[in-house]
N, C-alpha and C. Protein backbone atom coordinates (compact mmCIF):
# COMPACT_ATOMS: atom_id res chain seq x y z
N MET A 1 -13.67 2.88 12.40
CA MET A 1 -12.54 2.82 11.49
C MET A 1 -11.86 4.19 11.43
N GLU A 2 -10.55 4.22 11.64
CA GLU A 2 -9.81 5.47 11.62
C GLU A 2 -9.50 5.87 10.18
N SER A 3 -9.51 7.18 9.94
CA SER A 3 -9.17 7.67 8.61
C SER A 3 -7.69 8.01 8.55
N GLU A 4 -7.20 8.13 7.31
CA GLU A 4 -5.80 8.50 7.12
C GLU A 4 -5.58 9.94 7.53
N ILE A 5 -4.39 10.23 8.03
CA ILE A 5 -4.02 11.59 8.37
C ILE A 5 -3.55 12.27 7.08
N ARG A 6 -3.93 13.52 6.87
CA ARG A 6 -3.58 14.25 5.65
C ARG A 6 -2.14 14.75 5.74
N VAL A 7 -1.20 13.88 5.40
CA VAL A 7 0.22 14.21 5.44
C VAL A 7 0.61 14.77 4.08
N GLN A 8 1.15 16.00 4.06
CA GLN A 8 1.55 16.62 2.80
C GLN A 8 3.00 16.33 2.45
N ILE A 9 3.68 15.59 3.30
CA ILE A 9 5.07 15.23 3.05
C ILE A 9 5.10 13.91 2.31
N ARG A 10 5.98 13.80 1.32
CA ARG A 10 6.08 12.59 0.51
C ARG A 10 7.48 12.01 0.57
N LYS A 11 7.60 10.78 0.10
CA LYS A 11 8.89 10.10 0.02
C LYS A 11 9.83 10.92 -0.88
N ASN A 12 11.10 10.98 -0.51
CA ASN A 12 12.17 11.70 -1.21
C ASN A 12 12.12 13.21 -1.05
N ASP A 13 11.20 13.76 -0.25
CA ASP A 13 11.22 15.19 0.06
C ASP A 13 12.40 15.47 0.99
N ILE A 14 13.00 16.64 0.87
CA ILE A 14 14.05 17.07 1.79
C ILE A 14 13.36 17.86 2.90
N VAL A 15 13.56 17.44 4.15
CA VAL A 15 12.89 18.07 5.28
C VAL A 15 13.89 18.50 6.35
N LYS A 16 13.47 19.45 7.19
CA LYS A 16 14.29 19.92 8.31
C LYS A 16 13.51 19.66 9.59
N VAL A 17 14.18 19.09 10.59
CA VAL A 17 13.54 18.80 11.88
C VAL A 17 13.43 20.11 12.65
N ILE A 18 12.23 20.41 13.16
CA ILE A 18 12.01 21.69 13.84
C ILE A 18 11.83 21.55 15.35
N THR A 19 11.62 20.33 15.85
CA THR A 19 11.48 20.13 17.30
C THR A 19 12.17 18.84 17.72
N GLY A 20 12.41 18.71 19.02
CA GLY A 20 12.96 17.48 19.57
C GLY A 20 14.47 17.47 19.64
N LYS A 21 15.02 16.32 20.00
CA LYS A 21 16.46 16.20 20.20
C LYS A 21 17.26 16.32 18.91
N GLU A 22 16.62 16.11 17.77
CA GLU A 22 17.29 16.18 16.47
C GLU A 22 17.08 17.53 15.78
N LYS A 23 16.61 18.53 16.51
CA LYS A 23 16.26 19.83 15.94
C LYS A 23 17.41 20.42 15.12
N GLY A 24 17.07 20.89 13.91
CA GLY A 24 18.06 21.53 13.05
C GLY A 24 18.64 20.61 11.98
N LYS A 25 18.48 19.31 12.12
CA LYS A 25 19.03 18.37 11.15
C LYS A 25 18.18 18.34 9.89
N VAL A 26 18.83 18.12 8.75
CA VAL A 26 18.16 18.06 7.45
C VAL A 26 18.39 16.68 6.85
N GLY A 27 17.34 16.10 6.27
CA GLY A 27 17.48 14.78 5.65
C GLY A 27 16.37 14.52 4.65
N ARG A 28 16.52 13.38 3.96
CA ARG A 28 15.55 12.97 2.94
C ARG A 28 14.58 11.98 3.53
N VAL A 29 13.30 12.11 3.20
CA VAL A 29 12.27 11.21 3.71
C VAL A 29 12.40 9.85 3.02
N LEU A 30 12.54 8.80 3.82
CA LEU A 30 12.66 7.44 3.29
C LEU A 30 11.30 6.74 3.22
N LYS A 31 10.43 7.01 4.20
CA LYS A 31 9.15 6.30 4.27
C LYS A 31 8.12 7.19 4.96
N VAL A 32 6.87 7.13 4.48
CA VAL A 32 5.76 7.87 5.08
C VAL A 32 4.67 6.88 5.44
N ASP A 33 4.25 6.88 6.72
CA ASP A 33 3.14 6.04 7.18
C ASP A 33 1.95 6.95 7.43
N ARG A 34 1.02 6.98 6.48
CA ARG A 34 -0.11 7.89 6.55
C ARG A 34 -1.11 7.50 7.63
N GLU A 35 -1.22 6.24 7.96
CA GLU A 35 -2.18 5.80 8.98
C GLU A 35 -1.81 6.31 10.36
N SER A 36 -0.52 6.23 10.70
CA SER A 36 -0.10 6.68 12.03
C SER A 36 0.46 8.10 12.03
N GLY A 37 0.64 8.71 10.84
CA GLY A 37 1.17 10.07 10.76
C GLY A 37 2.63 10.17 11.13
N ARG A 38 3.41 9.13 10.80
CA ARG A 38 4.83 9.11 11.14
C ARG A 38 5.67 8.96 9.88
N ILE A 39 6.90 9.48 9.95
CA ILE A 39 7.82 9.40 8.82
C ILE A 39 9.18 8.93 9.30
N ILE A 40 9.97 8.40 8.35
CA ILE A 40 11.35 8.02 8.64
C ILE A 40 12.24 8.89 7.77
N VAL A 41 13.18 9.61 8.41
CA VAL A 41 14.08 10.52 7.72
C VAL A 41 15.50 9.96 7.77
N GLU A 42 16.18 10.05 6.63
CA GLU A 42 17.53 9.50 6.50
C GLU A 42 18.51 10.15 7.47
N LYS A 43 19.24 9.33 8.23
CA LYS A 43 20.28 9.76 9.19
C LYS A 43 19.76 10.66 10.30
N VAL A 44 18.46 10.59 10.62
CA VAL A 44 17.87 11.38 11.70
C VAL A 44 17.13 10.42 12.63
N ASN A 45 17.19 10.68 13.94
CA ASN A 45 16.52 9.86 14.96
C ASN A 45 17.05 8.42 14.94
N MET A 46 18.37 8.29 14.98
CA MET A 46 19.02 6.97 14.95
C MET A 46 18.87 6.27 16.30
N VAL A 47 18.54 4.97 16.24
CA VAL A 47 18.41 4.14 17.43
C VAL A 47 19.22 2.86 17.24
N LYS A 48 19.60 2.23 18.35
CA LYS A 48 20.34 0.98 18.29
C LYS A 48 19.39 -0.17 18.59
N ARG A 49 19.45 -1.21 17.79
CA ARG A 49 18.60 -2.38 17.95
C ARG A 49 19.45 -3.64 17.96
N HIS A 50 19.13 -4.56 18.86
CA HIS A 50 19.82 -5.85 18.91
C HIS A 50 19.14 -6.79 17.94
N ILE A 51 19.95 -7.52 17.16
CA ILE A 51 19.38 -8.48 16.21
C ILE A 51 19.99 -9.86 16.43
N LYS A 52 19.16 -10.86 16.18
CA LYS A 52 19.60 -12.24 16.29
C LYS A 52 20.44 -12.62 15.06
N PRO A 53 21.30 -13.62 15.20
CA PRO A 53 22.04 -14.09 14.02
C PRO A 53 21.08 -14.62 12.96
N GLY A 54 21.39 -14.31 11.72
CA GLY A 54 20.58 -14.78 10.59
C GLY A 54 21.42 -14.73 9.33
N LYS A 55 20.77 -14.88 8.18
CA LYS A 55 21.51 -14.88 6.91
C LYS A 55 22.13 -13.51 6.62
N ALA A 56 21.38 -12.45 6.88
CA ALA A 56 21.89 -11.11 6.61
C ALA A 56 23.02 -10.73 7.57
N HIS A 57 22.90 -11.11 8.84
CA HIS A 57 23.91 -10.82 9.86
C HIS A 57 24.25 -12.12 10.58
N PRO A 58 25.25 -12.88 10.08
CA PRO A 58 25.57 -14.19 10.65
C PRO A 58 25.94 -14.16 12.13
N GLN A 59 26.54 -13.06 12.60
CA GLN A 59 26.94 -12.99 13.99
C GLN A 59 25.91 -12.29 14.87
N GLY A 60 24.91 -11.67 14.25
CA GLY A 60 23.96 -10.90 15.05
C GLY A 60 24.61 -9.60 15.48
N GLY A 61 24.20 -9.07 16.60
CA GLY A 61 24.85 -7.88 17.13
C GLY A 61 23.92 -6.69 17.26
N ILE A 62 24.52 -5.51 17.31
CA ILE A 62 23.76 -4.27 17.49
C ILE A 62 23.82 -3.48 16.20
N VAL A 63 22.65 -3.09 15.69
CA VAL A 63 22.54 -2.35 14.44
C VAL A 63 21.93 -0.98 14.72
N GLU A 64 22.47 0.04 14.06
CA GLU A 64 21.93 1.39 14.20
C GLU A 64 21.05 1.67 12.99
N LYS A 65 19.80 2.13 13.24
CA LYS A 65 18.89 2.45 12.14
C LYS A 65 18.00 3.63 12.51
N GLU A 66 17.31 4.17 11.49
CA GLU A 66 16.44 5.31 11.71
C GLU A 66 15.13 4.87 12.35
N ALA A 67 14.64 5.64 13.30
CA ALA A 67 13.34 5.38 13.92
C ALA A 67 12.33 6.37 13.37
N ALA A 68 11.05 5.99 13.44
CA ALA A 68 9.99 6.87 12.94
C ALA A 68 9.81 8.06 13.87
N MET A 69 9.36 9.17 13.29
CA MET A 69 9.06 10.37 14.06
C MET A 69 7.77 10.98 13.51
N ALA A 70 7.11 11.80 14.31
CA ALA A 70 5.86 12.42 13.88
C ALA A 70 6.12 13.39 12.73
N TYR A 71 5.24 13.39 11.74
CA TYR A 71 5.43 14.26 10.59
C TYR A 71 5.34 15.74 10.98
N SER A 72 4.67 16.04 12.09
CA SER A 72 4.53 17.43 12.53
C SER A 72 5.83 17.99 13.07
N ASN A 73 6.84 17.15 13.28
CA ASN A 73 8.13 17.60 13.80
C ASN A 73 9.08 18.08 12.70
N VAL A 74 8.63 18.03 11.44
CA VAL A 74 9.50 18.44 10.32
C VAL A 74 8.78 19.43 9.42
N MET A 75 9.58 20.20 8.66
CA MET A 75 9.06 21.10 7.63
C MET A 75 9.82 20.84 6.35
N ILE A 76 9.12 20.96 5.23
CA ILE A 76 9.74 20.75 3.92
C ILE A 76 10.70 21.90 3.61
N MET A 77 11.85 21.55 3.02
CA MET A 77 12.81 22.56 2.59
C MET A 77 12.50 22.92 1.13
N CYS A 78 12.37 24.22 0.85
CA CYS A 78 12.12 24.70 -0.50
C CYS A 78 13.44 24.69 -1.28
N ASP A 79 13.40 24.25 -2.55
CA ASP A 79 14.61 24.21 -3.37
C ASP A 79 15.07 25.62 -3.74
N LYS A 80 14.12 26.50 -4.00
CA LYS A 80 14.46 27.84 -4.48
C LYS A 80 14.98 28.74 -3.36
N CYS A 81 14.21 28.88 -2.26
CA CYS A 81 14.63 29.79 -1.19
C CYS A 81 15.50 29.10 -0.13
N ASN A 82 15.64 27.76 -0.21
CA ASN A 82 16.51 26.97 0.67
C ASN A 82 16.21 27.20 2.15
N LYS A 83 14.92 27.34 2.49
CA LYS A 83 14.48 27.50 3.87
C LYS A 83 13.31 26.57 4.13
N PRO A 84 13.09 26.20 5.41
CA PRO A 84 11.92 25.38 5.72
C PRO A 84 10.65 26.19 5.48
N THR A 85 9.63 25.55 4.92
CA THR A 85 8.42 26.27 4.55
C THR A 85 7.18 25.43 4.76
N ARG A 86 6.04 26.11 4.84
CA ARG A 86 4.76 25.42 4.83
C ARG A 86 4.37 25.17 3.38
N ILE A 87 3.37 24.33 3.19
CA ILE A 87 2.96 23.96 1.84
C ILE A 87 1.59 24.54 1.53
N ALA A 88 1.46 25.11 0.33
CA ALA A 88 0.17 25.57 -0.16
C ALA A 88 -0.23 24.68 -1.34
N LYS A 89 -1.52 24.44 -1.48
CA LYS A 89 -2.02 23.69 -2.63
C LYS A 89 -2.47 24.69 -3.67
N SER A 90 -2.04 24.51 -4.91
CA SER A 90 -2.47 25.42 -5.97
C SER A 90 -2.90 24.61 -7.19
N VAL A 91 -3.79 25.21 -7.98
CA VAL A 91 -4.30 24.57 -9.19
C VAL A 91 -3.98 25.48 -10.37
N ASP A 92 -3.33 24.93 -11.41
CA ASP A 92 -3.02 25.75 -12.58
C ASP A 92 -4.21 25.80 -13.53
N GLY A 93 -4.04 26.46 -14.66
CA GLY A 93 -5.13 26.65 -15.63
C GLY A 93 -5.70 25.36 -16.19
N ALA A 94 -4.86 24.33 -16.28
CA ALA A 94 -5.31 23.05 -16.83
C ALA A 94 -5.98 22.18 -15.78
N GLY A 95 -6.05 22.66 -14.54
CA GLY A 95 -6.68 21.89 -13.47
C GLY A 95 -5.74 20.94 -12.76
N LYS A 96 -4.45 21.09 -13.00
CA LYS A 96 -3.46 20.21 -12.37
C LYS A 96 -3.08 20.76 -11.00
N ARG A 97 -3.15 19.92 -9.97
CA ARG A 97 -2.82 20.33 -8.60
C ARG A 97 -1.32 20.20 -8.35
N SER A 98 -0.79 21.12 -7.54
CA SER A 98 0.62 21.04 -7.18
C SER A 98 0.84 21.63 -5.79
N ARG A 99 1.97 21.27 -5.19
CA ARG A 99 2.35 21.81 -3.89
C ARG A 99 3.28 22.99 -4.13
N THR A 100 3.01 24.11 -3.49
CA THR A 100 3.85 25.29 -3.67
C THR A 100 4.38 25.78 -2.33
N CYS A 101 5.49 26.50 -2.40
CA CYS A 101 6.14 27.07 -1.22
C CYS A 101 5.34 28.29 -0.76
N LYS A 102 5.05 28.40 0.53
CA LYS A 102 4.33 29.54 1.07
C LYS A 102 5.21 30.80 1.10
N ARG A 103 6.54 30.63 1.12
CA ARG A 103 7.45 31.77 1.18
C ARG A 103 7.62 32.44 -0.18
N CYS A 104 8.00 31.63 -1.20
CA CYS A 104 8.35 32.21 -2.49
C CYS A 104 7.36 31.88 -3.62
N GLY A 105 6.45 30.93 -3.38
CA GLY A 105 5.46 30.58 -4.39
C GLY A 105 5.97 29.59 -5.43
N ASP A 106 7.18 29.08 -5.28
CA ASP A 106 7.74 28.12 -6.21
C ASP A 106 7.06 26.76 -6.07
N VAL A 107 6.84 26.05 -7.20
CA VAL A 107 6.20 24.74 -7.18
C VAL A 107 7.21 23.72 -6.65
N LEU A 108 6.80 22.95 -5.61
CA LEU A 108 7.71 21.96 -5.02
C LEU A 108 7.77 20.70 -5.87
N ALA A 109 6.62 20.12 -6.18
CA ALA A 109 6.58 18.94 -7.03
C ALA A 109 5.17 18.78 -7.57
N ALA A 110 5.08 18.44 -8.84
CA ALA A 110 3.75 18.24 -9.44
C ALA A 110 3.16 16.95 -8.91
N LYS A 111 1.87 16.96 -8.63
CA LYS A 111 1.19 15.79 -8.11
C LYS A 111 0.99 14.78 -9.24
N ALA A 112 1.54 13.59 -9.07
CA ALA A 112 1.44 12.56 -10.11
C ALA A 112 0.17 11.76 -9.93
N ARG A 113 -0.71 11.80 -10.88
CA ARG A 113 -1.96 11.03 -10.85
C ARG A 113 -2.21 10.39 -12.15
């Protein structure tokens, strides 16, 4: 049985692509698949797919949508320093865990549990 990959990126995080054909683009994470270690980023890695006619698309045709990419190809953008950064885990005095920016030390988002 395979274990989940420890992905520190979450849905709605703003990320910057650091490798591949989409390098330099910034977008919001729409979906995270922890089992395969892949993410879908808004308006990044667009592909064209043919679809059959159905209720949603009566004529069918070609639809452009985002494709999944490896989470290692992106870095989280810090709100404070506005640069791509690595993530550090920190614990405050009350024992609450949070993700912090490695560059400036700003808290990215409190872990909801």
